[in-house]
Amino acid sequence: VRQWQSPDLAQRLPLAAVVVSLHNYADHITEALQSVSAQTQQRLELIVVDDASTDDGTAVVERWIDACLRAGGHPFVRVLLLRHCRNAGLAAARNTALAHSKASWCFVLDADNALFPDAVAGCLALVDPGDPQLAVVHPLLVVEAEPGRPDDRRALVSSASWQRERLLQGNVVDAMALIRRSAWARVGGYTHIEGGWEDYDFWCK
């Protein structure tokens, strides 16, 4: 639908991408995008995939992109907005975003979440370029309950490092994480699962 890239993109490839899946979150997407534009990490790629929303989410994103690019001072070397012709689900939206990324590392962000300014920089600082087996850097999370929804037990919060044994018992890694794009490709990306659990399935793969 929409693409912008820095004139010197060929010489300055993005160090990381933030990929956002969007479906009927027009009321939340601006806050999510603002948190991406406020990242201290520079040379970022922003990819938003609208999964055939029935609200005006795509228009909201287009207006935000226009305003962001006009204002300048953003961390982006490339911005891409894509739209599915039909609703294909969360897994497909994320796969579309990662497939179109030019960055080696992609941070997954849902449209109703937001990042602290140092989120991407902090995760990227843990990336060891000499360790090709490193596939995921996952952050610790802060959960703020939505207004009118004080019960945050639905949120996945864990202070545990990556441990295969813990994953055998259940998911302890939130969807928001920095993923090596080649690792995503190697395991075949996300798989659509009715009722959810795409993230848990992806981590197990």
N, C-alpha and C. Protein backbone atom coordinates (compact mmCIF):
# COMPACT_ATOMS: atom_id res chain seq x y z
N VAL A 1 0.83 -1.19 0.00
CA VAL A 1 0.00 0.00 0.00
C VAL A 1 0.87 1.25 0.00
N ARG A 2 1.88 1.28 0.82
CA ARG A 2 2.69 2.49 0.96
C ARG A 2 4.12 2.11 1.33
N GLN A 3 5.09 2.77 0.69
CA GLN A 3 6.48 2.52 1.04
C GLN A 3 7.28 3.82 0.97
N TRP A 4 8.15 4.02 1.94
CA TRP A 4 9.11 5.11 1.94
C TRP A 4 10.45 4.54 2.38
N GLN A 5 11.51 4.97 1.74
CA GLN A 5 12.83 4.53 2.17
C GLN A 5 13.84 5.64 1.97
N SER A 6 14.87 5.62 2.79
CA SER A 6 15.93 6.60 2.71
C SER A 6 16.66 6.47 1.38
N PRO A 7 17.06 7.59 0.77
CA PRO A 7 17.76 7.53 -0.52
C PRO A 7 19.04 6.70 -0.47
N ASP A 8 19.67 6.63 0.69
CA ASP A 8 20.92 5.87 0.80
C ASP A 8 20.70 4.52 1.48
N LEU A 9 19.49 3.93 1.29
CA LEU A 9 19.16 2.67 1.94
C LEU A 9 20.14 1.57 1.56
N ALA A 10 20.60 1.56 0.33
CA ALA A 10 21.52 0.51 -0.11
C ALA A 10 22.81 0.51 0.70
N GLN A 11 23.24 1.70 1.15
CA GLN A 11 24.46 1.81 1.94
C GLN A 11 24.18 1.72 3.44
N ARG A 12 22.93 1.95 3.83
CA ARG A 12 22.59 1.97 5.26
C ARG A 12 21.38 1.07 5.50
N LEU A 13 21.57 -0.23 5.37
CA LEU A 13 20.48 -1.17 5.61
C LEU A 13 20.01 -1.07 7.06
N PRO A 14 18.73 -1.35 7.30
CA PRO A 14 18.23 -1.26 8.68
C PRO A 14 18.93 -2.24 9.60
N LEU A 15 19.21 -1.78 10.82
CA LEU A 15 19.82 -2.65 11.83
C LEU A 15 18.79 -3.58 12.45
N ALA A 16 17.55 -3.14 12.45
CA ALA A 16 16.45 -3.96 12.98
C ALA A 16 15.14 -3.44 12.41
N ALA A 17 14.17 -4.31 12.36
CA ALA A 17 12.83 -3.93 11.93
C ALA A 17 11.88 -4.07 13.10
N VAL A 18 10.89 -3.20 13.16
CA VAL A 18 9.77 -3.40 14.07
C VAL A 18 8.58 -3.75 13.19
N VAL A 19 8.01 -4.94 13.40
CA VAL A 19 6.92 -5.42 12.56
C VAL A 19 5.63 -5.44 13.38
N VAL A 20 4.61 -4.82 12.82
CA VAL A 20 3.35 -4.64 13.55
C VAL A 20 2.21 -5.29 12.76
N SER A 21 1.48 -6.16 13.41
CA SER A 21 0.28 -6.75 12.81
C SER A 21 -0.93 -5.96 13.30
N LEU A 22 -1.83 -5.65 12.37
CA LEU A 22 -2.97 -4.78 12.69
C LEU A 22 -4.26 -5.40 12.18
N HIS A 23 -5.24 -5.53 13.07
CA HIS A 23 -6.58 -5.94 12.66
C HIS A 23 -7.59 -5.32 13.61
N ASN A 24 -8.28 -4.31 13.10
CA ASN A 24 -9.34 -3.61 13.85
C ASN A 24 -8.85 -3.01 15.17
N TYR A 25 -7.69 -2.38 15.11
CA TYR A 25 -7.16 -1.68 16.28
C TYR A 25 -6.89 -0.21 15.93
N ALA A 26 -7.78 0.39 15.20
CA ALA A 26 -7.60 1.79 14.81
C ALA A 26 -7.46 2.70 16.02
N ASP A 27 -8.10 2.35 17.13
CA ASP A 27 -8.05 3.19 18.33
C ASP A 27 -6.75 3.04 19.11
N HIS A 28 -5.95 2.03 18.78
CA HIS A 28 -4.71 1.78 19.53
C HIS A 28 -3.44 1.97 18.72
N ILE A 29 -3.55 1.87 17.41
CA ILE A 29 -2.35 1.77 16.57
C ILE A 29 -1.47 3.02 16.64
N THR A 30 -2.05 4.19 16.82
CA THR A 30 -1.24 5.41 16.86
C THR A 30 -0.27 5.39 18.04
N GLU A 31 -0.74 4.95 19.20
CA GLU A 31 0.13 4.87 20.37
C GLU A 31 1.28 3.89 20.12
N ALA A 32 0.96 2.77 19.50
CA ALA A 32 2.00 1.78 19.19
C ALA A 32 3.05 2.38 18.25
N LEU A 33 2.58 3.05 17.20
CA LEU A 33 3.50 3.63 16.22
C LEU A 33 4.33 4.76 16.82
N GLN A 34 3.71 5.56 17.68
CA GLN A 34 4.45 6.63 18.34
C GLN A 34 5.59 6.06 19.18
N SER A 35 5.34 4.93 19.82
CA SER A 35 6.38 4.32 20.65
C SER A 35 7.53 3.79 19.79
N VAL A 36 7.23 3.42 18.55
CA VAL A 36 8.29 2.97 17.65
C VAL A 36 9.11 4.16 17.16
N SER A 37 8.44 5.24 16.83
CA SER A 37 9.16 6.42 16.34
C SER A 37 9.99 7.07 17.44
N ALA A 38 9.68 6.76 18.71
CA ALA A 38 10.43 7.33 19.84
C ALA A 38 11.62 6.46 20.24
N GLN A 39 11.90 5.41 19.49
CA GLN A 39 13.01 4.53 19.83
C GLN A 39 14.35 5.26 19.75
N THR A 40 15.22 4.97 20.71
CA THR A 40 16.56 5.57 20.68
C THR A 40 17.44 4.87 19.65
N GLN A 41 17.10 3.64 19.29
CA GLN A 41 17.84 2.92 18.26
C GLN A 41 17.58 3.57 16.90
N GLN A 42 18.64 3.86 16.17
CA GLN A 42 18.51 4.45 14.84
C GLN A 42 18.60 3.36 13.76
N ARG A 43 18.36 3.76 12.54
CA ARG A 43 18.39 2.87 11.37
C ARG A 43 17.41 1.71 11.54
N LEU A 44 16.17 2.09 11.83
CA LEU A 44 15.11 1.10 11.99
C LEU A 44 14.26 1.02 10.72
N GLU A 45 13.63 -0.12 10.59
CA GLU A 45 12.64 -0.35 9.54
C GLU A 45 11.31 -0.58 10.24
N LEU A 46 10.26 0.06 9.76
CA LEU A 46 8.93 -0.12 10.32
C LEU A 46 8.05 -0.76 9.26
N ILE A 47 7.48 -1.92 9.59
CA ILE A 47 6.59 -2.61 8.66
C ILE A 47 5.27 -2.89 9.37
N VAL A 48 4.18 -2.34 8.82
CA VAL A 48 2.85 -2.57 9.36
C VAL A 48 2.07 -3.38 8.34
N VAL A 49 1.46 -4.47 8.80
CA VAL A 49 0.61 -5.29 7.94
C VAL A 49 -0.81 -5.24 8.47
N ASP A 50 -1.70 -4.63 7.69
CA ASP A 50 -3.11 -4.59 8.06
C ASP A 50 -3.78 -5.84 7.51
N ASP A 51 -4.33 -6.64 8.41
CA ASP A 51 -4.92 -7.92 8.02
C ASP A 51 -6.40 -7.75 7.69
N ALA A 52 -6.66 -6.94 6.65
CA ALA A 52 -8.02 -6.71 6.16
C ALA A 52 -8.95 -6.20 7.25
N SER A 53 -8.52 -5.15 7.94
CA SER A 53 -9.36 -4.55 8.98
C SER A 53 -10.65 -4.02 8.38
N THR A 54 -11.70 -4.03 9.19
CA THR A 54 -12.97 -3.46 8.76
C THR A 54 -13.18 -2.06 9.33
N ASP A 55 -12.25 -1.60 10.17
CA ASP A 55 -12.31 -0.22 10.66
C ASP A 55 -11.37 0.62 9.79
N ASP A 56 -11.06 1.84 10.23
CA ASP A 56 -10.22 2.71 9.41
C ASP A 56 -8.75 2.66 9.82
N GLY A 57 -8.31 1.51 10.30
CA GLY A 57 -6.93 1.35 10.75
C GLY A 57 -5.90 1.69 9.69
N THR A 58 -6.13 1.25 8.46
CA THR A 58 -5.17 1.54 7.39
C THR A 58 -5.04 3.04 7.16
N ALA A 59 -6.15 3.75 7.15
CA ALA A 59 -6.12 5.20 6.94
C ALA A 59 -5.41 5.89 8.09
N VAL A 60 -5.63 5.40 9.31
CA VAL A 60 -4.95 5.97 10.48
C VAL A 60 -3.44 5.81 10.33
N VAL A 61 -3.00 4.64 9.90
CA VAL A 61 -1.57 4.40 9.72
C VAL A 61 -1.01 5.28 8.62
N GLU A 62 -1.73 5.42 7.52
CA GLU A 62 -1.26 6.26 6.41
C GLU A 62 -1.10 7.71 6.86
N ARG A 63 -2.06 8.21 7.61
CA ARG A 63 -1.96 9.59 8.10
C ARG A 63 -0.79 9.74 9.06
N TRP A 64 -0.60 8.73 9.91
CA TRP A 64 0.51 8.79 10.85
C TRP A 64 1.85 8.78 10.11
N ILE A 65 1.99 7.94 9.11
CA ILE A 65 3.23 7.88 8.33
C ILE A 65 3.51 9.24 7.69
N ASP A 66 2.49 9.84 7.08
CA ASP A 66 2.68 11.15 6.45
C ASP A 66 3.18 12.17 7.46
N ALA A 67 2.55 12.22 8.62
CA ALA A 67 2.92 13.20 9.64
C ALA A 67 4.32 12.92 10.17
N CYS A 68 4.65 11.66 10.37
CA CYS A 68 5.96 11.29 10.90
C CYS A 68 7.07 11.68 9.93
N LEU A 69 6.87 11.40 8.66
CA LEU A 69 7.90 11.71 7.66
C LEU A 69 8.05 13.22 7.46
N ARG A 70 6.93 13.93 7.54
CA ARG A 70 7.00 15.40 7.43
C ARG A 70 7.76 16.01 8.59
N ALA A 71 7.52 15.49 9.78
CA ALA A 71 8.13 16.05 10.99
C ALA A 71 9.63 15.78 11.05
N GLY A 72 10.06 14.66 10.48
CA GLY A 72 11.48 14.32 10.53
C GLY A 72 11.90 13.92 11.93
N GLY A 73 13.19 13.70 12.12
CA GLY A 73 13.71 13.33 13.42
C GLY A 73 13.37 11.91 13.85
N HIS A 74 12.87 11.11 12.93
CA HIS A 74 12.50 9.73 13.24
C HIS A 74 13.71 8.81 13.04
N PRO A 75 13.64 7.59 13.55
CA PRO A 75 14.78 6.67 13.46
C PRO A 75 14.76 5.78 12.22
N PHE A 76 13.84 6.04 11.29
CA PHE A 76 13.60 5.08 10.21
C PHE A 76 14.46 5.31 8.97
N VAL A 77 14.89 4.19 8.37
CA VAL A 77 15.48 4.24 7.04
C VAL A 77 14.50 3.65 6.02
N ARG A 78 13.46 3.00 6.51
CA ARG A 78 12.44 2.43 5.62
C ARG A 78 11.14 2.27 6.39
N VAL A 79 10.02 2.61 5.74
CA VAL A 79 8.69 2.45 6.30
C VAL A 79 7.82 1.77 5.25
N LEU A 80 7.13 0.72 5.66
CA LEU A 80 6.32 -0.05 4.71
C LEU A 80 4.97 -0.37 5.33
N LEU A 81 3.90 -0.08 4.59
CA LEU A 81 2.54 -0.43 5.00
C LEU A 81 1.97 -1.37 3.95
N LEU A 82 1.56 -2.56 4.39
CA LEU A 82 0.97 -3.56 3.51
C LEU A 82 -0.43 -3.90 4.00
N ARG A 83 -1.27 -4.35 3.09
CA ARG A 83 -2.64 -4.71 3.48
C ARG A 83 -3.05 -6.01 2.81
N HIS A 84 -3.52 -6.97 3.62
CA HIS A 84 -4.06 -8.20 3.08
C HIS A 84 -5.44 -7.93 2.46
N CYS A 85 -5.71 -8.59 1.34
CA CYS A 85 -7.02 -8.44 0.70
C CYS A 85 -8.12 -9.14 1.48
N ARG A 86 -7.74 -10.17 2.22
CA ARG A 86 -8.71 -10.86 3.09
C ARG A 86 -8.05 -11.17 4.42
N ASN A 87 -8.87 -11.31 5.43
CA ASN A 87 -8.34 -11.59 6.76
C ASN A 87 -7.74 -12.99 6.79
N ALA A 88 -6.45 -13.08 7.10
CA ALA A 88 -5.74 -14.36 7.08
C ALA A 88 -5.26 -14.78 8.46
N GLY A 89 -5.38 -13.91 9.44
CA GLY A 89 -4.99 -14.26 10.79
C GLY A 89 -3.64 -13.70 11.19
N LEU A 90 -3.39 -13.76 12.50
CA LEU A 90 -2.19 -13.16 13.08
C LEU A 90 -0.91 -13.77 12.51
N ALA A 91 -0.86 -15.09 12.41
CA ALA A 91 0.36 -15.75 11.91
C ALA A 91 0.70 -15.27 10.51
N ALA A 92 -0.29 -15.19 9.65
CA ALA A 92 -0.05 -14.75 8.27
C ALA A 92 0.42 -13.31 8.23
N ALA A 93 -0.16 -12.45 9.08
CA ALA A 93 0.23 -11.04 9.10
C ALA A 93 1.69 -10.89 9.51
N ARG A 94 2.08 -11.63 10.53
CA ARG A 94 3.48 -11.57 10.96
C ARG A 94 4.41 -12.14 9.90
N ASN A 95 4.00 -13.23 9.27
CA ASN A 95 4.84 -13.81 8.22
C ASN A 95 5.01 -12.85 7.05
N THR A 96 3.95 -12.15 6.69
CA THR A 96 4.05 -11.17 5.61
C THR A 96 5.04 -10.08 5.96
N ALA A 97 4.98 -9.60 7.20
CA ALA A 97 5.88 -8.53 7.64
C ALA A 97 7.34 -8.99 7.61
N LEU A 98 7.62 -10.14 8.17
CA LEU A 98 9.00 -10.62 8.21
C LEU A 98 9.51 -10.95 6.81
N ALA A 99 8.64 -11.45 5.95
CA ALA A 99 9.05 -11.78 4.59
C ALA A 99 9.46 -10.54 3.80
N HIS A 100 8.89 -9.38 4.14
CA HIS A 100 9.20 -8.15 3.41
C HIS A 100 10.30 -7.32 4.08
N SER A 101 10.82 -7.80 5.20
CA SER A 101 11.85 -7.04 5.90
C SER A 101 13.21 -7.18 5.24
N LYS A 102 13.99 -6.11 5.31
CA LYS A 102 15.37 -6.13 4.84
C LYS A 102 16.36 -6.27 5.98
N ALA A 103 15.87 -6.24 7.22
CA ALA A 103 16.72 -6.31 8.40
C ALA A 103 16.98 -7.75 8.80
N SER A 104 18.11 -7.99 9.45
CA SER A 104 18.44 -9.33 9.92
C SER A 104 17.69 -9.69 11.19
N TRP A 105 17.28 -8.67 11.96
CA TRP A 105 16.56 -8.88 13.21
C TRP A 105 15.25 -8.12 13.18
N CYS A 106 14.18 -8.75 13.64
CA CYS A 106 12.85 -8.14 13.61
C CYS A 106 12.21 -8.21 15.00
N PHE A 107 11.75 -7.06 15.47
CA PHE A 107 11.04 -7.01 16.76
C PHE A 107 9.55 -7.03 16.48
N VAL A 108 8.87 -8.02 17.05
CA VAL A 108 7.43 -8.19 16.84
C VAL A 108 6.66 -7.31 17.84
N LEU A 109 5.75 -6.52 17.32
CA LEU A 109 4.93 -5.64 18.17
C LEU A 109 3.48 -5.75 17.74
N ASP A 110 2.59 -6.00 18.70
CA ASP A 110 1.17 -6.01 18.41
C ASP A 110 0.63 -4.59 18.42
N ALA A 111 -0.45 -4.38 17.70
CA ALA A 111 -0.98 -3.03 17.51
C ALA A 111 -1.53 -2.40 18.78
N ASP A 112 -1.82 -3.20 19.79
CA ASP A 112 -2.36 -2.66 21.04
C ASP A 112 -1.31 -2.63 22.15
N ASN A 113 -0.04 -2.72 21.78
CA ASN A 113 1.05 -2.63 22.75
C ASN A 113 1.95 -1.45 22.42
N ALA A 114 2.87 -1.15 23.32
CA ALA A 114 3.79 -0.03 23.11
C ALA A 114 5.16 -0.39 23.66
N LEU A 115 6.17 0.28 23.14
CA LEU A 115 7.55 0.01 23.55
C LEU A 115 8.11 1.17 24.36
N PHE A 116 8.93 0.85 25.36
CA PHE A 116 9.74 1.87 26.00
C PHE A 116 10.80 2.34 25.00
N PRO A 117 11.28 3.56 25.11
CA PRO A 117 12.21 4.11 24.12
C PRO A 117 13.47 3.28 23.89
N ASP A 118 13.98 2.61 24.91
CA ASP A 118 15.21 1.83 24.76
C ASP A 118 14.97 0.36 24.46
N ALA A 119 13.73 -0.01 24.16
CA ALA A 119 13.39 -1.43 24.02
C ALA A 119 14.19 -2.11 22.92
N VAL A 120 14.16 -1.57 21.71
CA VAL A 120 14.86 -2.21 20.60
C VAL A 120 16.37 -2.13 20.80
N ALA A 121 16.87 -0.98 21.24
CA ALA A 121 18.31 -0.83 21.47
C ALA A 121 18.80 -1.81 22.52
N GLY A 122 18.02 -1.99 23.58
CA GLY A 122 18.41 -2.89 24.64
C GLY A 122 18.48 -4.34 24.18
N CYS A 123 17.51 -4.75 23.38
CA CYS A 123 17.52 -6.12 22.86
C CYS A 123 18.64 -6.30 21.84
N LEU A 124 18.81 -5.31 20.98
CA LEU A 124 19.83 -5.41 19.93
C LEU A 124 21.23 -5.44 20.54
N ALA A 125 21.40 -4.81 21.70
CA ALA A 125 22.71 -4.79 22.35
C ALA A 125 23.12 -6.19 22.82
N LEU A 126 22.15 -7.07 22.99
CA LEU A 126 22.44 -8.43 23.43
C LEU A 126 22.74 -9.39 22.28
N VAL A 127 22.55 -8.89 21.07
CA VAL A 127 22.80 -9.73 19.89
C VAL A 127 24.30 -9.93 19.72
N ASP A 128 24.70 -11.19 19.62
CA ASP A 128 26.11 -11.53 19.41
C ASP A 128 26.28 -11.90 17.95
N PRO A 129 26.91 -11.03 17.15
CA PRO A 129 27.06 -11.34 15.72
C PRO A 129 27.90 -12.58 15.45
N GLY A 130 28.66 -13.02 16.45
CA GLY A 130 29.48 -14.21 16.28
C GLY A 130 28.77 -15.50 16.63
N ASP A 131 27.50 -15.42 17.03
CA ASP A 131 26.75 -16.61 17.43
C ASP A 131 25.55 -16.81 16.52
N PRO A 132 25.72 -17.52 15.42
CA PRO A 132 24.60 -17.70 14.48
C PRO A 132 23.46 -18.54 15.04
N GLN A 133 23.70 -19.23 16.17
CA GLN A 133 22.64 -20.04 16.78
C GLN A 133 21.68 -19.21 17.63
N LEU A 134 22.07 -17.97 17.93
CA LEU A 134 21.19 -17.09 18.71
C LEU A 134 20.01 -16.69 17.83
N ALA A 135 18.82 -17.08 18.25
CA ALA A 135 17.64 -16.86 17.41
C ALA A 135 16.68 -15.83 17.98
N VAL A 136 16.62 -15.68 19.31
CA VAL A 136 15.61 -14.82 19.94
C VAL A 136 16.22 -14.08 21.12
N VAL A 137 15.91 -12.79 21.23
CA VAL A 137 16.18 -12.02 22.44
C VAL A 137 14.83 -11.53 22.94
N HIS A 138 14.42 -11.99 24.12
CA HIS A 138 13.10 -11.59 24.60
C HIS A 138 13.23 -10.74 25.86
N PRO A 139 12.51 -9.63 25.91
CA PRO A 139 12.63 -8.69 27.02
C PRO A 139 11.73 -9.05 28.19
N LEU A 140 12.02 -8.42 29.33
CA LEU A 140 11.09 -8.45 30.45
C LEU A 140 10.02 -7.40 30.19
N LEU A 141 8.85 -7.61 30.73
CA LEU A 141 7.71 -6.77 30.38
C LEU A 141 7.14 -6.04 31.58
N VAL A 142 6.54 -4.89 31.28
CA VAL A 142 5.72 -4.18 32.24
C VAL A 142 4.30 -4.24 31.70
N VAL A 143 3.35 -4.59 32.54
CA VAL A 143 1.96 -4.70 32.12
C VAL A 143 1.14 -3.60 32.77
N GLU A 144 0.45 -2.83 31.96
CA GLU A 144 -0.50 -1.83 32.45
C GLU A 144 -1.89 -2.28 32.02
N ALA A 145 -2.73 -2.55 32.99
CA ALA A 145 -4.08 -3.01 32.68
C ALA A 145 -4.84 -1.92 31.92
N GLU A 146 -5.65 -2.33 30.96
CA GLU A 146 -6.46 -1.38 30.20
C GLU A 146 -7.52 -0.77 31.12
N PRO A 147 -7.91 0.48 30.85
CA PRO A 147 -9.00 1.07 31.63
C PRO A 147 -10.25 0.20 31.58
N GLY A 148 -10.79 -0.07 32.74
CA GLY A 148 -11.97 -0.92 32.80
C GLY A 148 -11.66 -2.40 32.83
N ARG A 149 -10.35 -2.75 32.72
CA ARG A 149 -9.96 -4.16 32.77
C ARG A 149 -8.82 -4.32 33.76
N PRO A 150 -9.13 -4.24 35.05
CA PRO A 150 -8.07 -4.33 36.06
C PRO A 150 -7.44 -5.71 36.16
N ASP A 151 -8.09 -6.73 35.60
CA ASP A 151 -7.57 -8.09 35.67
C ASP A 151 -6.52 -8.28 34.59
N ASP A 152 -5.25 -8.30 34.99
CA ASP A 152 -4.19 -8.46 34.00
C ASP A 152 -3.65 -9.89 33.98
N ARG A 153 -4.41 -10.84 34.55
CA ARG A 153 -3.96 -12.23 34.55
C ARG A 153 -3.91 -12.80 33.14
N ARG A 154 -4.63 -12.16 32.20
CA ARG A 154 -4.61 -12.61 30.82
C ARG A 154 -3.26 -12.31 30.17
N ALA A 155 -2.44 -11.44 30.80
CA ALA A 155 -1.16 -11.06 30.22
C ALA A 155 -0.08 -12.06 30.62
N LEU A 156 0.83 -12.29 29.67
CA LEU A 156 1.95 -13.19 29.92
C LEU A 156 3.13 -12.38 30.42
N VAL A 157 3.52 -12.62 31.65
CA VAL A 157 4.65 -11.91 32.23
C VAL A 157 5.59 -12.93 32.84
N SER A 158 6.86 -12.82 32.54
CA SER A 158 7.83 -13.75 33.10
C SER A 158 9.18 -13.08 33.21
N SER A 159 9.88 -13.39 34.28
CA SER A 159 11.24 -12.90 34.46
C SER A 159 12.25 -13.99 34.17
N ALA A 160 11.78 -15.10 33.60
CA ALA A 160 12.65 -16.25 33.37
C ALA A 160 13.40 -16.09 32.05
N SER A 161 14.66 -16.49 32.06
CA SER A 161 15.41 -16.54 30.81
C SER A 161 14.92 -17.73 29.99
N TRP A 162 15.39 -17.78 28.74
CA TRP A 162 14.96 -18.86 27.85
C TRP A 162 15.44 -20.20 28.40
N GLN A 163 14.48 -21.09 28.65
CA GLN A 163 14.82 -22.42 29.15
C GLN A 163 13.90 -23.43 28.46
N ARG A 164 14.51 -24.37 27.78
CA ARG A 164 13.73 -25.37 27.05
C ARG A 164 12.79 -26.12 27.99
N GLU A 165 13.27 -26.44 29.19
CA GLU A 165 12.47 -27.20 30.13
C GLU A 165 11.20 -26.44 30.53
N ARG A 166 11.33 -25.12 30.69
CA ARG A 166 10.15 -24.33 31.06
C ARG A 166 9.14 -24.28 29.91
N LEU A 167 9.64 -24.22 28.68
CA LEU A 167 8.74 -24.19 27.53
C LEU A 167 7.96 -25.50 27.39
N LEU A 168 8.53 -26.58 27.86
CA LEU A 168 7.81 -27.86 27.81
C LEU A 168 6.55 -27.83 28.67
N GLN A 169 6.54 -26.97 29.69
CA GLN A 169 5.40 -26.87 30.60
C GLN A 169 4.36 -25.85 30.13
N GLY A 170 4.78 -24.92 29.30
CA GLY A 170 3.87 -23.89 28.82
C GLY A 170 4.65 -22.69 28.34
N ASN A 171 3.95 -21.73 27.77
CA ASN A 171 4.63 -20.57 27.19
C ASN A 171 5.04 -19.58 28.28
N VAL A 172 6.31 -19.19 28.27
CA VAL A 172 6.81 -18.19 29.22
C VAL A 172 7.48 -17.03 28.48
N VAL A 173 7.29 -16.99 27.17
CA VAL A 173 7.91 -15.93 26.36
C VAL A 173 6.80 -15.16 25.64
N ASP A 174 6.75 -13.85 25.86
CA ASP A 174 5.73 -13.03 25.22
C ASP A 174 5.99 -12.92 23.73
N ALA A 175 4.95 -12.55 23.00
CA ALA A 175 5.07 -12.40 21.54
C ALA A 175 6.06 -11.31 21.18
N MET A 176 6.15 -10.27 22.03
CA MET A 176 7.04 -9.15 21.72
C MET A 176 8.48 -9.54 22.01
N ALA A 177 9.24 -9.78 20.96
CA ALA A 177 10.62 -10.21 21.10
C ALA A 177 11.38 -9.90 19.82
N LEU A 178 12.69 -9.88 19.93
CA LEU A 178 13.56 -9.65 18.78
C LEU A 178 13.93 -11.00 18.20
N ILE A 179 13.61 -11.21 16.93
CA ILE A 179 13.78 -12.51 16.28
C ILE A 179 14.77 -12.40 15.13
N ARG A 180 15.70 -13.33 15.06
CA ARG A 180 16.59 -13.37 13.90
C ARG A 180 15.77 -13.84 12.69
N ARG A 181 15.78 -13.04 11.64
CA ARG A 181 14.93 -13.33 10.49
C ARG A 181 15.26 -14.68 9.87
N SER A 182 16.53 -15.04 9.83
CA SER A 182 16.92 -16.32 9.24
C SER A 182 16.39 -17.49 10.06
N ALA A 183 16.27 -17.31 11.38
CA ALA A 183 15.72 -18.37 12.23
C ALA A 183 14.22 -18.52 11.97
N TRP A 184 13.53 -17.38 11.80
CA TRP A 184 12.11 -17.41 11.44
C TRP A 184 11.92 -18.20 10.15
N ALA A 185 12.76 -17.95 9.15
CA ALA A 185 12.64 -18.64 7.86
C ALA A 185 12.96 -20.12 8.01
N ARG A 186 13.94 -20.43 8.83
CA ARG A 186 14.39 -21.81 8.97
C ARG A 186 13.30 -22.72 9.54
N VAL A 187 12.48 -22.18 10.45
CA VAL A 187 11.43 -23.01 11.06
C VAL A 187 10.10 -22.88 10.33
N GLY A 188 10.10 -22.16 9.22
CA GLY A 188 8.87 -22.05 8.43
C GLY A 188 7.91 -20.98 8.90
N GLY A 189 8.42 -20.04 9.71
CA GLY A 189 7.60 -18.92 10.14
C GLY A 189 6.53 -19.33 11.16
N TYR A 190 5.57 -18.44 11.32
CA TYR A 190 4.45 -18.70 12.23
C TYR A 190 3.42 -19.59 11.53
N THR A 191 2.74 -20.40 12.30
CA THR A 191 1.69 -21.28 11.78
C THR A 191 0.35 -20.86 12.37
N HIS A 192 -0.65 -20.73 11.51
CA HIS A 192 -1.99 -20.37 11.99
C HIS A 192 -2.57 -21.52 12.83
N ILE A 193 -3.04 -21.16 14.01
CA ILE A 193 -3.66 -22.14 14.91
C ILE A 193 -4.98 -21.56 15.39
N GLU A 194 -6.06 -22.25 15.14
CA GLU A 194 -7.37 -21.78 15.58
C GLU A 194 -7.38 -21.62 17.10
N GLY A 195 -7.84 -20.47 17.55
CA GLY A 195 -7.92 -20.21 18.98
C GLY A 195 -6.65 -19.64 19.57
N GLY A 196 -5.64 -19.40 18.73
CA GLY A 196 -4.41 -18.79 19.22
C GLY A 196 -3.28 -19.79 19.38
N TRP A 197 -2.32 -19.45 20.23
CA TRP A 197 -1.14 -20.27 20.52
C TRP A 197 -0.11 -20.24 19.40
N GLU A 198 -0.25 -19.30 18.44
CA GLU A 198 0.76 -19.20 17.38
C GLU A 198 2.15 -18.91 17.96
N ASP A 199 2.18 -18.06 18.98
CA ASP A 199 3.47 -17.68 19.55
C ASP A 199 4.15 -18.87 20.23
N TYR A 200 3.38 -19.59 21.03
CA TYR A 200 3.94 -20.75 21.74
C TYR A 200 4.46 -21.78 20.74
N ASP A 201 3.67 -22.03 19.71
CA ASP A 201 4.08 -22.96 18.67
C ASP A 201 5.38 -22.50 18.00
N PHE A 202 5.47 -21.20 17.74
CA PHE A 202 6.66 -20.65 17.10
C PHE A 202 7.89 -20.81 17.98
N TRP A 203 7.77 -20.50 19.26
CA TRP A 203 8.91 -20.66 20.17
C TRP A 203 9.33 -22.12 20.25
N CYS A 204 8.38 -23.02 20.31
CA CYS A 204 8.73 -24.44 20.37
C CYS A 204 9.45 -24.89 19.09
N LYS A 205 9.03 -24.39 17.94
CA LYS A 205 9.73 -24.73 16.69
C LYS A 205 11.13 -24.20 16.70
